[in-house]
All heavy atoms as atom14 arrays in JSON, in Angstrom:
{
  "sequence": "PFREQEIAANLFSNVKKKAIDANCNYLRVWTLRPQNWNLLDDQEY",
  "atom14_mask": [
    [1, 1, 1, 1, 1, 1, 1, 0, 0, 0, 0, 0, 0, 0],
    [1, 1, 1, 1, 1, 1, 1, 1, 1, 1, 1, 0, 0, 0],
    [1, 1, 1, 1, 1, 1, 1, 1, 1, 1, 1, 0, 0, 0],
    [1, 1, 1, 1, 1, 1, 1, 1, 1, 0, 0, 0, 0, 0],
    [1, 1, 1, 1, 1, 1, 1, 1, 1, 0, 0, 0, 0, 0],
    [1, 1, 1, 1, 1, 1, 1, 1, 1, 0, 0, 0, 0, 0],
    [1, 1, 1, 1, 1, 1, 1, 1, 0, 0, 0, 0, 0, 0],
    [1, 1, 1, 1, 1, 0, 0, 0, 0, 0, 0, 0, 0, 0],
    [1, 1, 1, 1, 1, 0, 0, 0, 0, 0, 0, 0, 0, 0],
    [1, 1, 1, 1, 1, 1, 1, 1, 0, 0, 0, 0, 0, 0],
    [1, 1, 1, 1, 1, 1, 1, 1, 0, 0, 0, 0, 0, 0],
    [1, 1, 1, 1, 1, 1, 1, 1, 1, 1, 1, 0, 0, 0],
    [1, 1, 1, 1, 1, 1, 0, 0, 0, 0, 0, 0, 0, 0],
    [1, 1, 1, 1, 1, 1, 1, 1, 0, 0, 0, 0, 0, 0],
    [1, 1, 1, 1, 1, 1, 1, 0, 0, 0, 0, 0, 0, 0],
    [1, 1, 1, 1, 1, 1, 1, 1, 1, 0, 0, 0, 0, 0],
    [1, 1, 1, 1, 1, 1, 1, 1, 1, 0, 0, 0, 0, 0],
    [1, 1, 1, 1, 1, 1, 1, 1, 1, 0, 0, 0, 0, 0],
    [1, 1, 1, 1, 1, 0, 0, 0, 0, 0, 0, 0, 0, 0],
    [1, 1, 1, 1, 1, 1, 1, 1, 0, 0, 0, 0, 0, 0],
    [1, 1, 1, 1, 1, 1, 1, 1, 0, 0, 0, 0, 0, 0],
    [1, 1, 1, 1, 1, 0, 0, 0, 0, 0, 0, 0, 0, 0],
    [1, 1, 1, 1, 1, 1, 1, 1, 0, 0, 0, 0, 0, 0],
    [1, 1, 1, 1, 1, 1, 0, 0, 0, 0, 0, 0, 0, 0],
    [1, 1, 1, 1, 1, 1, 1, 1, 0, 0, 0, 0, 0, 0],
    [1, 1, 1, 1, 1, 1, 1, 1, 1, 1, 1, 1, 0, 0],
    [1, 1, 1, 1, 1, 1, 1, 1, 0, 0, 0, 0, 0, 0],
    [1, 1, 1, 1, 1, 1, 1, 1, 1, 1, 1, 0, 0, 0],
    [1, 1, 1, 1, 1, 1, 1, 0, 0, 0, 0, 0, 0, 0],
    [1, 1, 1, 1, 1, 1, 1, 1, 1, 1, 1, 1, 1, 1],
    [1, 1, 1, 1, 1, 1, 1, 0, 0, 0, 0, 0, 0, 0],
    [1, 1, 1, 1, 1, 1, 1, 1, 0, 0, 0, 0, 0, 0],
    [1, 1, 1, 1, 1, 1, 1, 1, 1, 1, 1, 0, 0, 0],
    [1, 1, 1, 1, 1, 1, 1, 0, 0, 0, 0, 0, 0, 0],
    [1, 1, 1, 1, 1, 1, 1, 1, 1, 0, 0, 0, 0, 0],
    [1, 1, 1, 1, 1, 1, 1, 1, 0, 0, 0, 0, 0, 0],
    [1, 1, 1, 1, 1, 1, 1, 1, 1, 1, 1, 1, 1, 1],
    [1, 1, 1, 1, 1, 1, 1, 1, 0, 0, 0, 0, 0, 0],
    [1, 1, 1, 1, 1, 1, 1, 1, 0, 0, 0, 0, 0, 0],
    [1, 1, 1, 1, 1, 1, 1, 1, 0, 0, 0, 0, 0, 0],
    [1, 1, 1, 1, 1, 1, 1, 1, 0, 0, 0, 0, 0, 0],
    [1, 1, 1, 1, 1, 1, 1, 1, 0, 0, 0, 0, 0, 0],
    [1, 1, 1, 1, 1, 1, 1, 1, 1, 0, 0, 0, 0, 0],
    [1, 1, 1, 1, 1, 1, 1, 1, 1, 0, 0, 0, 0, 0],
    [1, 1, 1, 1, 1, 1, 1, 1, 1, 1, 1, 1, 0, 0]
  ],
  "atom14_positions": [
    [[66.9, 91.84, 156.4], [67.69, 92.71, 157.27], [67.13, 94.12, 157.39], [67.56, 94.89, 158.23], [69.06, 92.7, 156.59], [68.8, 92.4, 155.16], [67.59, 91.52, 155.16], [0.0, 0.0, 0.0], [0.0, 0.0, 0.0], [0.0, 0.0, 0.0], [0.0, 0.0, 0.0], [0.0, 0.0, 0.0], [0.0, 0.0, 0.0], [0.0, 0.0, 0.0]],
    [[66.16, 94.44, 156.55], [65.55, 95.79, 156.58], [64.12, 95.7, 156.06], [63.76, 94.81, 155.32], [66.37, 96.76, 155.76], [66.54, 96.35, 154.33], [65.67, 96.77, 153.33], [67.57, 95.5, 153.95], [65.81, 96.37, 152.01], [67.74, 95.08, 152.64], [66.83, 95.52, 151.65], [0.0, 0.0, 0.0], [0.0, 0.0, 0.0], [0.0, 0.0, 0.0]],
    [[63.3, 96.63, 156.5], [61.93, 96.81, 156.02], [61.04, 95.57, 156.13], [60.18, 95.32, 155.27], [61.92, 97.31, 154.58], [62.6, 98.66, 154.46], [62.51, 99.18, 153.05], [63.04, 100.5, 152.95], [63.28, 101.14, 151.83], [63.0, 100.56, 150.7], [63.75, 102.34, 151.83], [0.0, 0.0, 0.0], [0.0, 0.0, 0.0], [0.0, 0.0, 0.0]],
    [[61.19, 94.83, 157.2], [60.37, 93.64, 157.4], [58.88, 94.0, 157.41], [58.06, 93.28, 156.84], [60.75, 92.93, 158.69], [61.98, 92.09, 158.57], [62.27, 91.28, 159.84], [61.85, 91.69, 160.93], [62.93, 90.24, 159.7], [0.0, 0.0, 0.0], [0.0, 0.0, 0.0], [0.0, 0.0, 0.0], [0.0, 0.0, 0.0], [0.0, 0.0, 0.0]],
    [[58.52, 95.06, 158.13], [57.1, 95.42, 158.22], [56.51, 95.76, 156.85], [55.39, 95.38, 156.54], [56.9, 96.6, 159.19], [57.14, 96.19, 160.62], [56.93, 97.36, 161.58], [56.98, 98.51, 161.21], [56.71, 97.03, 162.84], [0.0, 0.0, 0.0], [0.0, 0.0, 0.0], [0.0, 0.0, 0.0], [0.0, 0.0, 0.0], [0.0, 0.0, 0.0]],
    [[57.26, 96.47, 156.03], [56.8, 96.82, 154.68], [56.62, 95.56, 153.83], [55.63, 95.43, 153.11], [57.79, 97.78, 154.04], [57.37, 98.26, 152.64], [58.36, 99.21, 152.04], [59.27, 99.71, 152.73], [58.22, 99.46, 150.82], [0.0, 0.0, 0.0], [0.0, 0.0, 0.0], [0.0, 0.0, 0.0], [0.0, 0.0, 0.0], [0.0, 0.0, 0.0]],
    [[57.56, 94.65, 153.89], [57.46, 93.41, 153.13], [56.26, 92.59, 153.61], [55.47, 92.09, 152.81], [58.78, 92.6, 153.26], [59.93, 93.36, 152.61], [58.6, 91.21, 152.64], [61.3, 92.81, 152.93], [0.0, 0.0, 0.0], [0.0, 0.0, 0.0], [0.0, 0.0, 0.0], [0.0, 0.0, 0.0], [0.0, 0.0, 0.0], [0.0, 0.0, 0.0]],
    [[56.09, 92.48, 154.93], [54.96, 91.75, 155.5], [53.63, 92.37, 155.05], [52.7, 91.68, 154.68], [55.05, 91.7, 157.02], [0.0, 0.0, 0.0], [0.0, 0.0, 0.0], [0.0, 0.0, 0.0], [0.0, 0.0, 0.0], [0.0, 0.0, 0.0], [0.0, 0.0, 0.0], [0.0, 0.0, 0.0], [0.0, 0.0, 0.0], [0.0, 0.0, 0.0]],
    [[53.55, 93.7, 155.1], [52.31, 94.38, 154.7], [51.99, 94.13, 153.23], [50.84, 93.87, 152.86], [52.41, 95.88, 154.97], [0.0, 0.0, 0.0], [0.0, 0.0, 0.0], [0.0, 0.0, 0.0], [0.0, 0.0, 0.0], [0.0, 0.0, 0.0], [0.0, 0.0, 0.0], [0.0, 0.0, 0.0], [0.0, 0.0, 0.0], [0.0, 0.0, 0.0]],
    [[52.99, 94.18, 152.38], [52.79, 93.94, 150.94], [52.39, 92.48, 150.66], [51.52, 92.21, 149.86], [54.03, 94.31, 150.15], [54.16, 95.79, 149.93], [53.33, 96.4, 149.27], [55.17, 96.4, 150.52], [0.0, 0.0, 0.0], [0.0, 0.0, 0.0], [0.0, 0.0, 0.0], [0.0, 0.0, 0.0], [0.0, 0.0, 0.0], [0.0, 0.0, 0.0]],
    [[53.04, 91.56, 151.35], [52.71, 90.15, 151.18], [51.29, 89.87, 151.69], [50.52, 89.19, 151.02], [53.75, 89.28, 151.91], [53.67, 87.77, 151.7], [53.72, 87.4, 150.23], [54.81, 87.09, 152.46], [0.0, 0.0, 0.0], [0.0, 0.0, 0.0], [0.0, 0.0, 0.0], [0.0, 0.0, 0.0], [0.0, 0.0, 0.0], [0.0, 0.0, 0.0]],
    [[50.96, 90.45, 152.84], [49.62, 90.23, 153.38], [48.55, 90.83, 152.44], [47.51, 90.22, 152.22], [49.47, 90.82, 154.78], [48.15, 90.53, 155.41], [47.91, 89.28, 156.01], [47.12, 91.45, 155.4], [46.67, 88.99, 156.58], [45.89, 91.17, 155.96], [45.66, 89.93, 156.56], [0.0, 0.0, 0.0], [0.0, 0.0, 0.0], [0.0, 0.0, 0.0]],
    [[48.81, 92.02, 151.91], [47.85, 92.64, 150.97], [47.64, 91.75, 149.74], [46.52, 91.61, 149.28], [48.36, 94.02, 150.54], [48.32, 94.92, 151.59], [0.0, 0.0, 0.0], [0.0, 0.0, 0.0], [0.0, 0.0, 0.0], [0.0, 0.0, 0.0], [0.0, 0.0, 0.0], [0.0, 0.0, 0.0], [0.0, 0.0, 0.0], [0.0, 0.0, 0.0]],
    [[48.73, 91.16, 149.25], [48.6, 90.29, 148.1], [47.75, 89.04, 148.43], [46.88, 88.65, 147.66], [50.01, 89.85, 147.65], [49.98, 88.93, 146.45], [49.81, 87.71, 146.62], [50.14, 89.49, 145.28], [0.0, 0.0, 0.0], [0.0, 0.0, 0.0], [0.0, 0.0, 0.0], [0.0, 0.0, 0.0], [0.0, 0.0, 0.0], [0.0, 0.0, 0.0]],
    [[48.01, 88.46, 149.59], [47.26, 87.29, 150.01], [45.77, 87.64, 150.23], [44.88, 86.91, 149.8], [47.89, 86.69, 151.3], [46.98, 85.66, 151.94], [49.24, 86.09, 150.97], [0.0, 0.0, 0.0], [0.0, 0.0, 0.0], [0.0, 0.0, 0.0], [0.0, 0.0, 0.0], [0.0, 0.0, 0.0], [0.0, 0.0, 0.0], [0.0, 0.0, 0.0]],
    [[45.52, 88.78, 150.84], [44.13, 89.19, 151.07], [43.41, 89.42, 149.75], [42.25, 89.02, 149.58], [44.11, 90.48, 151.91], [42.7, 90.91, 152.28], [42.76, 92.12, 153.21], [41.32, 92.57, 153.56], [41.35, 93.75, 154.43], [0.0, 0.0, 0.0], [0.0, 0.0, 0.0], [0.0, 0.0, 0.0], [0.0, 0.0, 0.0], [0.0, 0.0, 0.0]],
    [[44.09, 90.01, 148.78], [43.47, 90.23, 147.45], [43.13, 88.89, 146.81], [42.07, 88.72, 146.23], [44.39, 91.04, 146.55], [43.79, 91.33, 145.19], [44.74, 92.09, 144.3], [44.19, 92.42, 142.96], [43.29, 91.48, 142.31], [0.0, 0.0, 0.0], [0.0, 0.0, 0.0], [0.0, 0.0, 0.0], [0.0, 0.0, 0.0], [0.0, 0.0, 0.0]],
    [[44.03, 87.93, 146.92], [43.77, 86.59, 146.36], [42.54, 85.96, 147.03], [41.75, 85.33, 146.38], [44.98, 85.69, 146.51], [46.13, 86.03, 145.6], [47.3, 85.07, 145.8], [48.51, 85.42, 144.97], [48.28, 85.52, 143.56], [0.0, 0.0, 0.0], [0.0, 0.0, 0.0], [0.0, 0.0, 0.0], [0.0, 0.0, 0.0], [0.0, 0.0, 0.0]],
    [[42.44, 86.13, 148.33], [41.3, 85.57, 149.09], [39.99, 86.22, 148.64], [38.98, 85.54, 148.44], [41.51, 85.79, 150.58], [0.0, 0.0, 0.0], [0.0, 0.0, 0.0], [0.0, 0.0, 0.0], [0.0, 0.0, 0.0], [0.0, 0.0, 0.0], [0.0, 0.0, 0.0], [0.0, 0.0, 0.0], [0.0, 0.0, 0.0], [0.0, 0.0, 0.0]],
    [[40.0, 87.53, 148.45], [38.82, 88.26, 148.01], [38.45, 87.82, 146.59], [37.27, 87.55, 146.27], [38.99, 89.77, 148.12], [39.04, 90.18, 149.6], [37.9, 90.54, 147.38], [39.5, 91.61, 149.86], [0.0, 0.0, 0.0], [0.0, 0.0, 0.0], [0.0, 0.0, 0.0], [0.0, 0.0, 0.0], [0.0, 0.0, 0.0], [0.0, 0.0, 0.0]],
    [[39.46, 87.75, 145.72], [39.22, 87.34, 144.33], [38.65, 85.93, 144.25], [37.94, 85.6, 143.29], [40.5, 87.44, 143.5], [40.95, 88.88, 143.25], [40.16, 89.82, 143.5], [42.09, 89.07, 142.8], [0.0, 0.0, 0.0], [0.0, 0.0, 0.0], [0.0, 0.0, 0.0], [0.0, 0.0, 0.0], [0.0, 0.0, 0.0], [0.0, 0.0, 0.0]],
    [[38.99, 85.08, 145.21], [38.5, 83.72, 145.24], [37.16, 83.57, 145.96], [36.7, 82.47, 146.19], [39.55, 82.81, 145.92], [0.0, 0.0, 0.0], [0.0, 0.0, 0.0], [0.0, 0.0, 0.0], [0.0, 0.0, 0.0], [0.0, 0.0, 0.0], [0.0, 0.0, 0.0], [0.0, 0.0, 0.0], [0.0, 0.0, 0.0], [0.0, 0.0, 0.0]],
    [[36.57, 84.7, 146.31], [35.25, 84.74, 146.98], [35.24, 83.96, 148.29], [34.27, 83.26, 148.58], [34.16, 84.2, 146.04], [33.95, 85.09, 144.84], [33.9, 86.32, 144.98], [33.89, 84.5, 143.67], [0.0, 0.0, 0.0], [0.0, 0.0, 0.0], [0.0, 0.0, 0.0], [0.0, 0.0, 0.0], [0.0, 0.0, 0.0], [0.0, 0.0, 0.0]],
    [[36.31, 84.11, 149.06], [36.37, 83.45, 150.36], [35.65, 84.3, 151.41], [35.59, 85.52, 151.3], [37.82, 83.24, 150.77], [38.67, 82.01, 149.76], [0.0, 0.0, 0.0], [0.0, 0.0, 0.0], [0.0, 0.0, 0.0], [0.0, 0.0, 0.0], [0.0, 0.0, 0.0], [0.0, 0.0, 0.0], [0.0, 0.0, 0.0], [0.0, 0.0, 0.0]],
    [[35.09, 83.63, 152.42], [34.4, 84.32, 153.52], [35.39, 84.84, 154.54], [35.16, 85.88, 155.18], [33.42, 83.36, 154.21], [32.39, 82.82, 153.26], [31.94, 83.5, 152.38], [32.02, 81.57, 153.47], [0.0, 0.0, 0.0], [0.0, 0.0, 0.0], [0.0, 0.0, 0.0], [0.0, 0.0, 0.0], [0.0, 0.0, 0.0], [0.0, 0.0, 0.0]],
    [[36.49, 84.09, 154.73], [37.48, 84.44, 155.76], [38.88, 84.19, 155.2], [39.09, 83.36, 154.31], [37.35, 83.56, 157.0], [36.15, 83.88, 157.84], [34.93, 83.24, 157.62], [36.23, 84.81, 158.9], [33.84, 83.52, 158.4], [35.12, 85.08, 159.68], [33.93, 84.44, 159.44], [32.84, 84.73, 160.2], [0.0, 0.0, 0.0], [0.0, 0.0, 0.0]],
    [[39.82, 84.87, 155.82], [41.25, 84.65, 155.62], [41.78, 84.3, 157.0], [41.55, 85.01, 157.99], [41.92, 85.93, 155.11], [43.43, 86.0, 155.16], [44.06, 85.0, 154.19], [43.91, 87.4, 154.82], [0.0, 0.0, 0.0], [0.0, 0.0, 0.0], [0.0, 0.0, 0.0], [0.0, 0.0, 0.0], [0.0, 0.0, 0.0], [0.0, 0.0, 0.0]],
    [[42.47, 83.15, 157.1], [43.08, 82.77, 158.39], [44.59, 82.67, 158.2], [45.07, 82.07, 157.25], [42.56, 81.42, 158.87], [43.3, 80.98, 160.15], [42.78, 79.72, 160.77], [42.8, 78.59, 159.86], [42.18, 77.44, 160.1], [41.48, 77.27, 161.2], [42.27, 76.44, 159.24], [0.0, 0.0, 0.0], [0.0, 0.0, 0.0], [0.0, 0.0, 0.0]],
    [[45.33, 83.28, 159.12], [46.78, 83.14, 159.17], [47.09, 82.36, 160.45], [46.79, 82.8, 161.54], [47.48, 84.52, 159.18], [48.98, 84.34, 159.24], [47.08, 85.35, 157.98], [0.0, 0.0, 0.0], [0.0, 0.0, 0.0], [0.0, 0.0, 0.0], [0.0, 0.0, 0.0], [0.0, 0.0, 0.0], [0.0, 0.0, 0.0], [0.0, 0.0, 0.0]],
    [[47.67, 81.19, 160.25], [48.01, 80.35, 161.39], [49.08, 81.0, 162.24], [49.92, 81.74, 161.75], [48.57, 79.02, 160.92], [47.65, 78.08, 160.21], [46.47, 78.4, 159.6], [47.83, 76.7, 159.98], [45.91, 77.3, 159.03], [46.74, 76.23, 159.25], [48.85, 75.82, 160.33], [46.61, 74.9, 158.86], [48.73, 74.49, 159.95], [47.61, 74.06, 159.22]],
    [[49.04, 80.7, 163.52], [50.13, 81.07, 164.41], [51.33, 80.22, 163.99], [51.22, 79.0, 163.87], [49.75, 80.77, 165.86], [48.54, 81.47, 166.17], [50.84, 81.19, 166.83], [0.0, 0.0, 0.0], [0.0, 0.0, 0.0], [0.0, 0.0, 0.0], [0.0, 0.0, 0.0], [0.0, 0.0, 0.0], [0.0, 0.0, 0.0], [0.0, 0.0, 0.0]],
    [[52.44, 80.86, 163.75], [53.6, 80.13, 163.22], [54.29, 79.34, 164.34], [54.65, 79.88, 165.39], [54.61, 81.12, 162.61], [55.79, 80.48, 161.9], [55.3, 79.6, 160.74], [56.73, 81.54, 161.38], [0.0, 0.0, 0.0], [0.0, 0.0, 0.0], [0.0, 0.0, 0.0], [0.0, 0.0, 0.0], [0.0, 0.0, 0.0], [0.0, 0.0, 0.0]],
    [[54.4, 78.04, 164.09], [55.08, 77.12, 165.0], [55.88, 76.16, 164.15], [55.5, 75.87, 163.01], [54.07, 76.34, 165.84], [53.17, 77.24, 166.68], [52.11, 76.43, 167.38], [51.47, 75.51, 166.46], [50.69, 74.5, 166.83], [50.45, 74.3, 168.07], [50.17, 73.72, 165.92], [0.0, 0.0, 0.0], [0.0, 0.0, 0.0], [0.0, 0.0, 0.0]],
    [[56.97, 75.64, 164.68], [57.79, 74.69, 163.89], [57.02, 73.5, 163.38], [57.31, 72.98, 162.31], [58.9, 74.25, 164.87], [59.01, 75.4, 165.81], [57.6, 75.96, 165.96], [0.0, 0.0, 0.0], [0.0, 0.0, 0.0], [0.0, 0.0, 0.0], [0.0, 0.0, 0.0], [0.0, 0.0, 0.0], [0.0, 0.0, 0.0], [0.0, 0.0, 0.0]],
    [[55.97, 73.07, 164.08], [55.23, 71.87, 163.66], [54.21, 72.14, 162.54], [53.6, 71.23, 162.01], [54.59, 71.15, 164.82], [53.75, 71.95, 165.76], [54.51, 72.62, 166.88], [55.43, 73.37, 166.64], [54.1, 72.43, 168.09], [0.0, 0.0, 0.0], [0.0, 0.0, 0.0], [0.0, 0.0, 0.0], [0.0, 0.0, 0.0], [0.0, 0.0, 0.0]],
    [[54.04, 73.38, 162.13], [53.07, 73.7, 161.07], [53.34, 72.91, 159.8], [52.4, 72.49, 159.13], [53.07, 75.2, 160.73], [52.29, 76.01, 161.74], [51.91, 75.51, 162.8], [52.06, 77.27, 161.43], [0.0, 0.0, 0.0], [0.0, 0.0, 0.0], [0.0, 0.0, 0.0], [0.0, 0.0, 0.0], [0.0, 0.0, 0.0], [0.0, 0.0, 0.0]],
    [[54.58, 72.71, 159.46], [54.93, 71.96, 158.23], [54.28, 70.58, 158.29], [53.74, 70.1, 157.29], [56.45, 71.84, 158.1], [56.88, 71.13, 156.88], [57.28, 69.85, 156.77], [56.92, 71.68, 155.56], [57.59, 69.55, 155.47], [57.38, 70.66, 154.71], [56.62, 72.93, 155.01], [57.56, 70.83, 153.33], [56.8, 73.1, 153.65], [57.27, 72.08, 152.84]],
    [[54.31, 69.93, 159.44], [53.74, 68.59, 159.59], [52.22, 68.59, 159.64], [51.59, 67.55, 159.5], [54.31, 67.9, 160.82], [55.8, 67.71, 160.72], [56.34, 67.42, 159.65], [56.51, 67.87, 161.82], [0.0, 0.0, 0.0], [0.0, 0.0, 0.0], [0.0, 0.0, 0.0], [0.0, 0.0, 0.0], [0.0, 0.0, 0.0], [0.0, 0.0, 0.0]],
    [[51.61, 69.77, 159.88], [50.13, 69.86, 159.99], [49.46, 70.28, 158.68], [48.25, 70.34, 158.62], [49.78, 70.85, 161.1], [50.18, 70.43, 162.5], [49.98, 71.58, 163.49], [49.36, 69.22, 162.95], [0.0, 0.0, 0.0], [0.0, 0.0, 0.0], [0.0, 0.0, 0.0], [0.0, 0.0, 0.0], [0.0, 0.0, 0.0], [0.0, 0.0, 0.0]],
    [[50.25, 70.55, 157.65], [49.66, 71.03, 156.38], [48.62, 70.06, 155.85], [47.61, 70.49, 155.27], [50.75, 71.24, 155.32], [51.65, 72.44, 155.51], [52.72, 72.47, 154.41], [50.85, 73.73, 155.49], [0.0, 0.0, 0.0], [0.0, 0.0, 0.0], [0.0, 0.0, 0.0], [0.0, 0.0, 0.0], [0.0, 0.0, 0.0], [0.0, 0.0, 0.0]],
    [[48.83, 68.77, 155.98], [47.9, 67.78, 155.45], [46.97, 67.18, 156.49], [46.27, 66.23, 156.22], [48.68, 66.67, 154.73], [49.34, 67.18, 153.47], [48.75, 68.05, 152.8], [50.46, 66.74, 153.17], [0.0, 0.0, 0.0], [0.0, 0.0, 0.0], [0.0, 0.0, 0.0], [0.0, 0.0, 0.0], [0.0, 0.0, 0.0], [0.0, 0.0, 0.0]],
    [[46.97, 67.75, 157.7], [46.09, 67.27, 158.77], [44.74, 67.97, 158.69], [44.57, 69.08, 159.2], [46.77, 67.53, 160.13], [46.0, 66.95, 161.3], [44.78, 66.75, 161.2], [46.62, 66.71, 162.34], [0.0, 0.0, 0.0], [0.0, 0.0, 0.0], [0.0, 0.0, 0.0], [0.0, 0.0, 0.0], [0.0, 0.0, 0.0], [0.0, 0.0, 0.0]],
    [[43.79, 67.33, 158.03], [42.49, 67.96, 157.8], [41.77, 68.28, 159.11], [41.12, 69.32, 159.22], [41.61, 67.09, 156.92], [40.31, 67.77, 156.54], [39.53, 66.97, 155.52], [39.68, 65.76, 155.43], [38.66, 67.63, 154.8], [0.0, 0.0, 0.0], [0.0, 0.0, 0.0], [0.0, 0.0, 0.0], [0.0, 0.0, 0.0], [0.0, 0.0, 0.0]],
    [[41.91, 67.41, 160.09], [41.26, 67.67, 161.38], [41.77, 68.96, 162.01], [41.02, 69.78, 162.5], [41.5, 66.5, 162.34], [40.8, 66.66, 163.66], [41.03, 65.44, 164.58], [41.0, 64.32, 164.08], [41.24, 65.67, 165.79], [0.0, 0.0, 0.0], [0.0, 0.0, 0.0], [0.0, 0.0, 0.0], [0.0, 0.0, 0.0], [0.0, 0.0, 0.0]],
    [[43.08, 69.18, 161.94], [43.66, 70.41, 162.48], [43.23, 71.64, 161.64], [42.88, 72.67, 162.18], [45.19, 70.32, 162.53], [45.82, 71.51, 163.2], [45.81, 71.62, 164.58], [46.39, 72.53, 162.48], [46.37, 72.73, 165.22], [46.95, 73.64, 163.08], [46.93, 73.74, 164.46], [47.47, 74.84, 165.09], [0.0, 0.0, 0.0], [0.0, 0.0, 0.0]]
  ]
}
């Protein structure tokens, strides 16, 4: 109900740090759609 941008920024910073610590080349954030849950195990996608 409040401070969504601040929460999003902190969560994204945490995720980015994890990606860097894991020596990843890229970080991808999927476009959020209701069907994402069903695509989690779809390797082709």
